[in-house]
Protein backbone atom coordinates (compact mmCIF):
# COMPACT_ATOMS: atom_id res chain seq x y z
CA UNK A 1 0.05 0.10 0.00
CA UNK A 2 2.80 2.39 0.84
CA UNK A 3 4.50 1.52 -2.56
CA UNK A 4 1.61 2.95 -4.51
CA UNK A 5 2.38 6.43 -3.09
CA UNK A 6 6.22 6.48 -3.73
CA UNK A 7 7.30 9.07 -6.30
CA UNK A 8 7.48 7.87 -9.80
CA UNK A 9 11.16 8.54 -9.98
CA UNK A 10 11.99 6.45 -6.99
CA UNK A 11 14.22 3.33 -7.32
CA UNK A 12 11.40 1.08 -6.25
CA UNK A 13 8.92 2.44 -8.90
CA UNK A 14 11.57 2.50 -11.53
CA UNK A 15 12.41 -1.20 -10.80
CA UNK A 16 8.62 -2.17 -10.91
CA UNK A 17 8.19 -0.28 -14.18
CA UNK A 18 11.29 -1.83 -15.78
CA UNK A 19 9.97 -5.32 -14.78
CA UNK A 20 6.82 -5.03 -16.85
CA UNK A 21 6.62 -7.55 -19.85
CA UNK A 22 5.70 -6.45 -23.31
CA UNK A 23 2.26 -8.17 -22.68
CA UNK A 24 1.61 -6.20 -19.58
CA UNK A 25 2.61 -2.88 -21.37
CA UNK A 26 0.22 -3.87 -24.22
CA UNK A 27 -2.54 -4.50 -21.68
CA UNK A 28 -2.08 -1.20 -20.08
CA UNK A 29 -2.01 0.56 -23.43
CA UNK A 30 -5.32 -1.27 -24.48
CA UNK A 31 -7.11 -0.09 -21.35
CA UNK A 32 -6.22 3.31 -22.34
CA UNK A 33 -6.17 5.00 -18.93
CA UNK A 34 -3.33 7.39 -19.07
CA UNK A 35 -4.84 9.23 -15.94
CA UNK A 36 -3.68 6.18 -13.96
CA UNK A 37 -0.12 6.49 -15.18
CA UNK A 38 2.71 7.21 -12.77
CA UNK A 39 3.85 10.49 -14.18
CA UNK A 40 2.66 13.79 -12.84
CA UNK A 41 0.87 16.22 -15.05
CA UNK A 42 4.09 18.25 -15.30
CA UNK A 43 6.00 15.28 -16.53
CA UNK A 44 3.44 14.56 -19.21
CA UNK A 45 3.52 18.21 -20.33
CA UNK A 46 7.40 18.05 -20.47
CA UNK A 47 7.03 14.79 -22.64
CA UNK A 48 4.61 16.62 -24.88
CA UNK A 49 7.05 19.51 -25.35
CA UNK A 50 9.95 17.07 -26.13
CA UNK A 51 7.68 15.35 -28.73
CA UNK A 52 6.91 18.67 -30.37
CA UNK A 53 10.56 19.72 -30.56
CA UNK A 54 11.60 16.39 -32.09
CA UNK A 55 8.69 16.80 -34.66
CA UNK A 56 9.88 20.32 -35.45
CA UNK A 57 13.42 19.09 -35.96
CA UNK A 58 12.19 16.28 -38.19
CA UNK A 59 10.03 18.76 -40.36
CA UNK A 60 13.06 21.06 -40.60
CA UNK A 61 15.15 18.17 -41.81
CA UNK A 62 12.45 17.18 -44.42
CA UNK A 63 12.02 20.72 -45.63
CA UNK A 64 15.90 21.01 -46.26
CA UNK A 65 16.24 17.57 -47.90
CA UNK A 66 16.23 17.38 -51.71
CA UNK A 67 12.88 16.08 -53.11
CA UNK A 68 14.49 12.94 -54.54
CA UNK A 69 16.42 11.98 -51.43
CA UNK A 70 15.05 9.53 -48.89
CA UNK A 71 13.57 11.38 -45.80
CA UNK A 72 14.00 10.14 -42.33
CA UNK A 73 11.13 8.48 -40.59
CA UNK A 74 9.02 10.65 -38.28
CA UNK A 75 10.27 10.63 -34.60
CA UNK A 76 8.80 8.16 -32.12
CA UNK A 77 6.86 9.89 -29.31
CA UNK A 78 8.57 9.70 -25.88
CA UNK A 79 7.26 6.62 -24.18
CA UNK A 80 4.53 7.19 -21.57
CA UNK A 81 3.68 5.12 -18.56
CA UNK A 82 1.29 2.41 -19.37
CA UNK A 83 1.96 2.42 -23.13
CA UNK A 84 4.37 0.35 -25.20
CA UNK A 85 6.28 1.63 -28.25
CA UNK A 86 4.27 2.52 -31.29
CA UNK A 87 3.79 -0.18 -33.86
CA UNK A 88 5.06 0.47 -37.37
CA UNK A 89 2.48 1.16 -40.00
CA UNK A 90 2.50 -1.31 -42.92
CA UNK A 91 3.88 0.18 -46.19
CA UNK A 92 1.78 -0.24 -49.33
CA UNK A 93 4.01 -1.88 -51.91
CA UNK A 94 3.53 -1.43 -55.63
CA UNK A 95 2.24 -5.03 -56.06
CA UNK A 96 -0.17 -4.72 -53.19
CA UNK A 97 -1.21 -1.27 -54.63
CA UNK A 98 -1.98 -2.86 -57.93
CA UNK A 99 -3.88 -5.81 -56.37
CA UNK A 100 -5.95 -3.24 -54.34
CA UNK A 101 -6.69 -1.35 -57.58
CA UNK A 102 -7.80 -4.55 -59.26
CA UNK A 103 -10.18 -5.31 -56.35
CA UNK A 104 -11.69 -1.85 -56.49
CA UNK A 105 -12.27 -2.18 -60.14
CA UNK A 106 -14.35 -5.37 -59.55
CA UNK A 107 -11.56 -7.77 -60.12
CA UNK A 108 -12.42 -10.02 -57.08
CA UNK A 109 -13.14 -13.48 -58.23
């Protein structure tokens, strides 16, 4: 009972957080209750500011990269308590795009 009230940056809370399995992280993310996270509102706001700065840096790099050059992937948001890392979005290949086009044109057999 006393452990629940320790500061989030305490060694005990850090050790407990680091022991979470990917499955436990996924369960917490699925429940979607960020208000039950172990960060204060101030820490959440700082993480939001860090994410915004990373995003601005990424946009600046993209704007100053030649159009034909490969641009970097967008930055990952700072991990929040109760949420695992973001899953990568599936990329649409040329073959799958052609198949999708065929299906939309009535090509399903």
